[in-house]
Protein backbone atom coordinates (compact mmCIF):
# COMPACT_ATOMS: atom_id res chain seq x y z
CA MET A 1 4.93 -9.38 27.73
CA ARG A 2 2.81 -9.80 24.60
CA THR A 3 5.35 -7.85 22.53
CA LEU A 4 8.19 -10.04 23.86
CA LEU A 5 6.21 -13.20 23.03
CA LEU A 6 5.62 -11.99 19.46
CA MET A 7 9.35 -11.23 19.06
CA LEU A 8 10.25 -14.74 20.21
CA LEU A 9 7.89 -16.20 17.62
CA LEU A 10 9.40 -14.21 14.75
CA PRO A 11 12.08 -15.80 12.53
CA MET A 12 15.58 -14.58 13.30
CA SER A 13 15.86 -13.03 9.84
CA LEU A 14 12.89 -10.79 10.58
CA LEU A 15 14.15 -9.82 14.00
CA TYR A 16 17.51 -8.69 12.72
CA GLY A 17 16.45 -7.61 9.24
CA GLN A 18 17.46 -8.99 5.88
CA ASP A 19 20.07 -6.28 5.44
CA ASP A 20 21.87 -6.71 8.78
CA PRO A 21 25.42 -8.08 8.42
CA LEU A 22 25.81 -11.77 9.15
CA ARG A 23 27.49 -12.37 12.50
CA VAL A 24 30.61 -14.39 11.68
CA GLY A 25 33.34 -15.94 13.80
CA VAL A 26 36.82 -16.43 12.32
CA VAL A 27 38.33 -19.73 13.49
CA GLY A 28 42.09 -19.64 13.11
CA LEU A 29 44.56 -17.19 11.59
CA THR A 30 47.22 -19.61 10.30
CA HIS A 31 45.72 -19.91 6.77
CA SER A 32 46.78 -16.80 4.83
CA HIS A 33 43.48 -16.79 2.94
CA VAL A 34 42.14 -15.22 6.14
CA HIS A 35 43.17 -11.85 4.70
CA GLY A 36 40.17 -12.24 2.41
CA ILE A 37 37.57 -12.06 5.17
CA PHE A 38 39.23 -9.09 6.87
CA ASN A 39 39.32 -7.25 3.54
CA SER A 40 35.69 -8.17 2.84
CA GLU A 41 34.15 -6.98 6.10
CA GLY A 42 33.88 -3.41 4.81
CA ARG A 43 31.39 -4.47 2.14
CA GLY A 44 28.74 -4.73 4.88
CA ASP A 45 27.62 -8.31 4.19
CA ILE A 46 29.26 -9.73 7.35
CA LYS A 47 30.42 -8.56 10.75
CA ILE A 48 33.33 -10.35 12.44
CA VAL A 49 32.11 -10.80 16.01
CA GLY A 50 34.86 -13.15 17.26
CA ILE A 51 38.24 -14.63 16.41
CA VAL A 52 39.72 -17.89 17.63
CA GLU A 53 43.52 -18.01 17.86
CA ASP A 54 45.89 -18.96 20.68
CA ASN A 55 49.08 -17.74 18.95
CA ASP A 56 49.56 -14.27 20.47
CA THR A 57 52.32 -13.32 18.01
CA LEU A 58 50.04 -14.13 15.11
CA VAL A 59 47.16 -12.23 16.67
CA ASP A 60 49.34 -9.17 17.13
CA ARG A 61 50.51 -9.32 13.54
CA TYR A 62 46.96 -9.37 12.18
CA ARG A 63 45.69 -6.81 14.71
CA GLU A 64 48.42 -4.40 13.65
CA GLN A 65 47.39 -4.80 10.02
CA TYR A 66 43.58 -4.73 10.43
CA GLY A 67 43.06 -2.93 13.73
CA PHE A 68 40.45 -5.23 15.27
CA ASP A 69 39.54 -4.99 18.94
CA PRO A 70 41.68 -7.42 20.99
CA ALA A 71 38.53 -8.26 22.99
CA LEU A 72 37.28 -10.15 19.94
CA VAL A 73 40.02 -12.78 20.30
CA TYR A 74 39.48 -16.01 22.20
CA PRO A 75 41.83 -18.96 22.73
CA THR A 76 39.20 -21.63 21.94
CA LEU A 77 36.20 -22.10 19.69
CA GLU A 78 34.02 -22.92 22.69
CA ALA A 79 34.84 -19.68 24.44
CA MET A 80 34.27 -17.55 21.33
CA ILE A 81 30.88 -19.09 20.55
CA ALA A 82 29.71 -18.82 24.16
CA ALA A 83 30.62 -15.16 24.32
CA ARG A 84 29.83 -13.94 20.81
CA GLU A 85 27.07 -16.22 19.47
CA PRO A 86 27.96 -16.09 15.76
CA ALA A 87 25.46 -17.27 13.19
CA ALA A 88 28.28 -18.76 11.12
CA VAL A 89 32.00 -19.46 11.36
CA THR A 90 34.72 -19.47 8.74
CA ALA A 91 37.67 -21.85 9.13
CA PHE A 92 41.22 -20.60 8.52
CA GLY A 93 43.36 -23.27 10.06
CA SER A 94 44.54 -26.67 8.92
CA ILE A 95 42.31 -28.87 6.79
CA TYR A 96 42.45 -31.57 9.49
CA ALA A 97 40.76 -29.13 11.92
CA HIS A 98 37.67 -28.77 9.71
CA LEU A 99 35.99 -31.86 11.15
CA GLU A 100 36.44 -30.70 14.75
CA ILE A 101 34.90 -27.33 13.91
CA VAL A 102 31.85 -28.91 12.29
CA GLU A 103 31.50 -31.37 15.18
CA TYR A 104 31.18 -28.44 17.60
CA CYS A 105 29.19 -25.99 15.47
CA ALA A 106 26.64 -28.25 13.74
CA PRO A 107 24.74 -29.37 16.89
CA ARG A 108 24.49 -25.70 17.83
CA GLY A 109 22.96 -24.70 14.51
CA ILE A 110 25.99 -22.63 13.47
CA HIS A 111 26.74 -22.59 9.75
CA VAL A 112 30.29 -23.26 8.53
CA MET A 113 32.39 -22.20 5.58
CA VAL A 114 35.80 -23.87 5.21
CA GLU A 115 38.69 -23.11 2.88
CA LYS A 116 39.30 -25.69 0.19
CA PRO A 117 39.30 -28.66 0.31
CA LEU A 118 36.45 -29.76 2.54
CA ALA A 119 38.42 -32.41 4.46
CA VAL A 120 41.68 -34.31 4.64
CA SER A 121 40.05 -37.68 4.00
CA LEU A 122 36.82 -39.24 2.80
CA GLN A 123 36.16 -40.49 6.34
CA HIS A 124 36.30 -36.90 7.65
CA ALA A 125 34.17 -35.62 4.75
CA GLU A 126 31.42 -38.20 5.29
CA ARG A 127 31.29 -37.46 9.01
CA MET A 128 31.01 -33.73 8.26
CA ARG A 129 28.23 -34.33 5.76
CA ALA A 130 26.31 -36.46 8.26
CA LEU A 131 26.56 -33.74 10.90
CA ALA A 132 25.52 -30.98 8.53
CA GLU A 133 22.50 -32.93 7.34
CA GLU A 134 21.46 -34.07 10.80
CA HIS A 135 21.54 -30.54 12.22
CA ASN A 136 20.39 -28.75 9.06
CA ILE A 137 23.31 -26.34 8.73
CA HIS A 138 24.95 -24.97 5.62
CA LEU A 139 28.46 -26.37 5.14
CA LEU A 140 30.19 -24.57 2.25
CA THR A 141 33.66 -24.87 0.78
CA ASN A 142 35.44 -21.81 -0.57
CA TYR A 143 37.70 -21.88 -3.63
CA GLU A 144 39.22 -18.80 -5.24
CA THR A 145 38.14 -20.11 -8.64
CA THR A 146 34.47 -20.22 -7.62
CA TRP A 147 34.33 -16.47 -8.03
CA TYR A 148 36.09 -16.35 -11.44
CA PRO A 149 33.69 -14.93 -14.07
CA THR A 150 35.55 -16.88 -16.75
CA ASN A 151 34.70 -20.25 -15.23
CA HIS A 152 31.02 -19.40 -15.10
CA ARG A 153 31.01 -18.01 -18.64
CA ALA A 154 32.81 -21.14 -19.84
CA TYR A 155 30.20 -23.30 -18.08
CA ALA A 156 27.34 -21.37 -19.69
CA LEU A 157 28.88 -21.58 -23.16
CA VAL A 158 29.48 -25.33 -22.87
CA LYS A 159 26.55 -26.56 -20.75
CA GLU A 160 23.77 -24.13 -21.59
CA ASP A 161 24.59 -22.91 -25.11
CA SER A 162 26.18 -26.18 -26.33
CA LEU A 163 28.68 -24.04 -28.21
CA ILE A 164 31.34 -26.72 -28.65
CA GLY A 165 29.24 -29.89 -28.45
CA ASP A 166 29.60 -32.62 -25.83
CA ILE A 167 32.61 -32.37 -23.50
CA ARG A 168 35.33 -34.84 -24.39
CA LYS A 169 38.39 -33.60 -22.52
CA VAL A 170 39.06 -31.14 -19.69
CA VAL A 171 42.51 -29.93 -18.60
CA VAL A 172 42.89 -27.98 -15.35
CA ARG A 173 46.24 -26.53 -14.25
CA ASP A 174 46.71 -25.04 -10.79
CA GLY A 175 49.61 -24.05 -8.61
CA HIS A 176 52.68 -21.89 -8.12
CA ARG A 177 56.42 -22.22 -7.34
CA GLY A 178 55.74 -23.82 -3.98
CA PRO A 179 54.72 -22.46 -0.55
CA LYS A 180 58.26 -21.94 0.69
CA LYS A 181 59.41 -20.27 -2.51
CA ILE A 182 56.54 -17.81 -2.60
CA GLY A 183 57.14 -16.97 1.07
CA VAL A 184 53.98 -18.06 2.89
CA ASP A 185 53.87 -17.30 6.58
CA PRO A 186 55.70 -19.83 8.78
CA GLU A 187 52.49 -20.78 10.63
CA PHE A 188 50.86 -21.62 7.29
CA LEU A 189 53.90 -23.49 5.95
CA GLU A 190 54.05 -25.66 9.07
CA TRP A 191 50.72 -27.40 8.44
CA LEU A 192 50.51 -26.97 4.65
CA THR A 193 53.52 -29.30 4.25
CA ASP A 194 52.34 -31.76 6.91
CA PRO A 195 50.82 -34.96 5.40
CA GLU A 196 48.37 -35.36 8.30
CA LEU A 197 47.24 -31.79 8.77
CA ASN A 198 46.89 -31.02 5.05
CA GLY A 199 46.22 -34.55 3.80
CA GLY A 200 49.11 -34.36 1.30
CA GLY A 201 51.06 -31.77 -0.65
CA ALA A 202 50.25 -30.31 -4.06
CA ILE A 203 47.93 -33.23 -4.86
CA ILE A 204 45.58 -31.93 -2.13
CA ASP A 205 46.36 -28.21 -2.14
CA PHE A 206 45.85 -27.78 -5.89
CA GLY A 207 44.32 -31.07 -7.04
CA CYS A 208 41.10 -30.05 -5.31
CA TYR A 209 40.50 -27.13 -7.75
CA GLY A 210 40.26 -29.39 -10.78
CA ALA A 211 38.23 -32.02 -8.95
CA ASN A 212 35.77 -29.33 -7.89
CA LEU A 213 35.41 -27.86 -11.36
CA MET A 214 35.12 -31.28 -13.00
CA THR A 215 32.42 -32.43 -10.61
CA TRP A 216 30.51 -29.24 -11.47
CA LEU A 217 30.93 -29.76 -15.20
CA MET A 218 29.86 -33.40 -14.88
CA ASP A 219 26.61 -32.45 -13.07
CA GLY A 220 27.83 -34.07 -9.84
CA ARG A 221 28.69 -37.42 -11.41
CA ARG A 222 31.64 -39.28 -9.94
CA PRO A 223 34.41 -40.48 -12.22
CA VAL A 224 34.66 -44.14 -13.17
CA SER A 225 38.34 -44.24 -12.28
CA VAL A 226 41.15 -42.15 -10.83
CA THR A 227 44.83 -42.49 -11.73
CA ALA A 228 47.51 -40.31 -10.16
CA VAL A 229 51.27 -39.86 -10.31
CA THR A 230 53.18 -37.75 -7.81
CA GLN A 231 56.75 -36.53 -7.48
CA GLN A 232 58.85 -34.66 -4.95
CA GLN A 233 60.92 -32.24 -7.02
CA GLN A 234 61.80 -30.00 -4.06
CA PRO A 235 62.74 -32.40 -1.22
CA GLU A 236 64.64 -29.64 0.47
CA ASN A 237 61.48 -27.49 0.70
CA ASN A 238 58.75 -30.15 0.99
CA PRO A 239 60.44 -33.14 2.65
CA ARG A 240 57.27 -34.82 3.91
CA VAL A 241 54.82 -34.37 1.01
CA ASP A 242 54.56 -34.45 -2.76
CA ASP A 243 54.96 -31.19 -4.69
CA GLU A 244 53.95 -32.44 -8.14
CA ALA A 245 50.79 -34.36 -9.09
CA ILE A 246 49.01 -35.39 -12.26
CA ILE A 247 45.53 -36.83 -11.79
CA ILE A 248 43.54 -38.48 -14.57
CA LEU A 249 39.79 -38.88 -14.18
CA THR A 250 37.78 -41.02 -16.56
CA TYR A 251 34.05 -40.78 -17.21
CA PRO A 252 32.03 -42.83 -19.74
CA GLU A 253 32.63 -40.31 -22.55
CA THR A 254 35.02 -37.78 -21.01
CA VAL A 255 38.51 -37.58 -19.56
CA ALA A 256 40.02 -34.95 -17.29
CA ILE A 257 43.69 -34.21 -16.64
CA LEU A 258 44.38 -32.28 -13.44
CA GLN A 259 47.87 -30.85 -13.16
CA ALA A 260 48.50 -29.77 -9.56
CA SER A 261 51.97 -28.41 -8.89
CA TRP A 262 54.22 -26.49 -6.54
CA ASN A 263 56.72 -26.31 -9.40
CA TRP A 264 55.17 -23.94 -11.90
CA PRO A 265 57.49 -20.98 -12.60
CA ILE A 266 54.40 -18.75 -12.78
CA GLY A 267 51.33 -19.04 -10.59
CA ARG A 268 48.28 -20.26 -12.49
CA LYS A 269 44.65 -21.35 -12.23
CA ASP A 270 43.33 -22.14 -15.69
CA LEU A 271 40.72 -24.36 -17.26
CA GLU A 272 40.47 -25.83 -20.79
CA ILE A 273 37.30 -27.51 -22.02
CA TYR A 274 37.37 -29.44 -25.32
CA GLY A 275 34.19 -30.44 -27.08
CA LEU A 276 33.37 -32.02 -30.43
CA THR A 277 33.63 -28.80 -32.44
CA GLY A 278 35.77 -26.41 -30.42
CA ALA A 279 37.39 -25.46 -27.16
CA VAL A 280 36.89 -22.90 -24.37
CA TYR A 281 39.87 -21.56 -22.43
CA ALA A 282 39.48 -19.78 -19.10
CA ASP A 283 43.04 -18.49 -18.90
CA ASN A 284 42.57 -16.80 -15.54
CA GLY A 285 39.82 -15.08 -13.61
CA HIS A 286 38.96 -12.56 -16.31
CA ASP A 287 40.42 -13.63 -19.69
CA LEU A 288 38.42 -16.07 -21.81
CA ARG A 289 39.07 -17.49 -25.29
CA VAL A 290 36.91 -19.65 -27.58
CA ARG A 291 38.31 -21.58 -30.54
CA MET A 292 35.95 -23.10 -33.10
CA ALA A 293 37.47 -25.78 -35.28
CA GLU A 294 38.01 -25.14 -39.02
CA GLY A 295 39.37 -27.97 -41.14
CA TYR A 296 42.16 -30.17 -39.82
CA ASP A 297 44.18 -27.76 -37.63
CA GLY A 298 42.59 -24.40 -38.25
CA TYR A 299 40.33 -22.47 -35.93
CA ASP A 300 38.47 -19.21 -35.48
CA GLU A 301 39.40 -17.62 -32.14
CA ARG A 302 37.53 -15.01 -30.21
CA SER A 303 38.51 -13.59 -26.82
CA ALA A 304 36.98 -11.48 -24.10
CA THR A 305 37.98 -9.86 -20.84
CA LEU A 306 35.16 -10.23 -18.35
CA GLU A 307 34.06 -8.03 -15.46
CA ASP A 308 33.59 -9.37 -11.95
CA ARG A 309 30.41 -11.29 -11.29
CA PRO A 310 27.56 -9.35 -9.66
CA ALA A 311 27.19 -9.37 -5.88
CA PRO A 312 26.88 -11.62 -3.97
CA TYR A 313 28.42 -14.01 -6.53
CA ASP A 314 31.74 -12.14 -6.51
CA ASN A 315 32.78 -12.77 -2.91
CA PRO A 316 32.67 -15.86 -0.67
CA PHE A 317 31.52 -14.08 2.46
CA ALA A 318 28.80 -12.10 0.72
CA PHE A 319 27.71 -15.42 -0.73
CA LEU A 320 27.74 -17.07 2.71
CA ALA A 321 25.58 -14.29 4.10
CA ALA A 322 23.08 -14.60 1.24
CA VAL A 323 22.88 -18.38 1.67
CA VAL A 324 22.26 -18.15 5.42
CA ARG A 325 19.59 -15.48 4.89
CA GLY A 326 17.88 -17.74 2.35
CA ASP A 327 18.43 -15.41 -0.59
CA ILE A 328 20.40 -18.11 -2.44
CA GLU A 329 19.63 -21.81 -2.59
CA VAL A 330 22.76 -23.94 -3.12
CA ALA A 331 22.26 -26.79 -5.57
CA PRO A 332 24.13 -30.05 -4.83
CA THR A 333 26.30 -29.67 -7.93
CA ASP A 334 27.30 -26.07 -7.17
CA LEU A 335 30.98 -25.31 -6.65
CA SER A 336 30.50 -24.45 -2.96
CA ALA A 337 28.03 -27.24 -2.26
CA LEU A 338 28.55 -30.00 0.29
CA ALA A 339 27.68 -32.81 -2.14
CA ASN A 340 30.12 -31.54 -4.76
CA ASN A 341 32.89 -31.28 -2.22
CA VAL A 342 32.38 -34.69 -0.68
CA THR A 343 32.93 -36.01 -4.21
CA VAL A 344 36.03 -33.82 -4.46
CA VAL A 345 37.45 -35.47 -1.35
CA GLU A 346 36.54 -38.91 -2.68
CA ILE A 347 38.53 -38.11 -5.88
CA LEU A 348 41.50 -36.82 -3.86
CA ASP A 349 41.38 -39.83 -1.56
CA ALA A 350 41.47 -42.13 -4.60
CA ALA A 351 44.27 -40.06 -6.16
CA VAL A 352 46.45 -40.39 -3.09
CA ARG A 353 45.83 -44.17 -3.01
CA SER A 354 46.60 -44.45 -6.71
CA ALA A 355 49.87 -42.53 -6.42
CA LYS A 356 51.00 -44.69 -3.50
CA SER A 357 50.08 -48.00 -5.14
CA GLY A 358 50.99 -47.16 -8.75
CA ARG A 359 47.61 -48.45 -9.85
CA THR A 360 44.35 -47.02 -11.12
CA VAL A 361 41.62 -46.83 -8.51
CA GLU A 362 38.12 -47.75 -9.67
CA LEU A 363 35.28 -45.92 -7.95
CA LYS A 364 32.41 -48.28 -7.15
């Protein structure tokens, strides 16, 4: 009895050990980014203890590819949590569903990681933040670009080393040929091109990357104004949402241009930072260039190909496990942080309103 009492008094991290995999539930299989968590489980940072999906055809497709036990699959979030007791869940369904997941998990002390963006609207984002803060859970947002070593090297060169002086302009370009053209799964396409379930088209799907990076570079500060223009260049493929968006963010001494598109001929996720004396280009996840100004239009250019970031900063699910264990403290301005991503949704919300009205939206 005394031994049992002592065990009950110990923190959970000590009972299970700091090196035990984090017990994770996967909520939804319709977002094709879910391949990432299945491919990451072998690292040993996490253990998938339950899966929520009521589409049997989809379950069979993933089970054939990854070989998981069918007993792990449940039709509802409630059933999976009751049976499997995960410490955290990862959301791989529509963006609209993120709020419902947090509403159920937060009061039960279950941490949540969602795929970008955090929410479909500022109203949803603020409700999610309130729940996370009230119940003291981690609520993280995952972006592919968070794990790019080039973005972090660019940040260090600009923010820590002051290599190019104060930031004056940032250009972020993200996107591909469009979800239908690149052949996403039909279950993914169904909600990705739904204005309610995704919150919009390319303006949401790819505008969020630039808003996230810019909020990080601006130390969490909100822009003064947001101006956006959208187009529908592929009405046959995206009849209900935009597929082209340009978002302009103004700050007291800086401007950002976010180009979010489902019309690029080549997929891209790149970042350009212009300062007073030079520029830093993160061309992709591993290739970085720096140009230092010389004269009127000359420059000295140096380039580097970077290795992956060290664990756990190279993988979203290893990062999630480290955060839950307390090995990493997430700062409010961090790329995955709740505060950063509420600001991201505020920017996207303003961008959608600006595009619809044809006017600049001032953020009070």
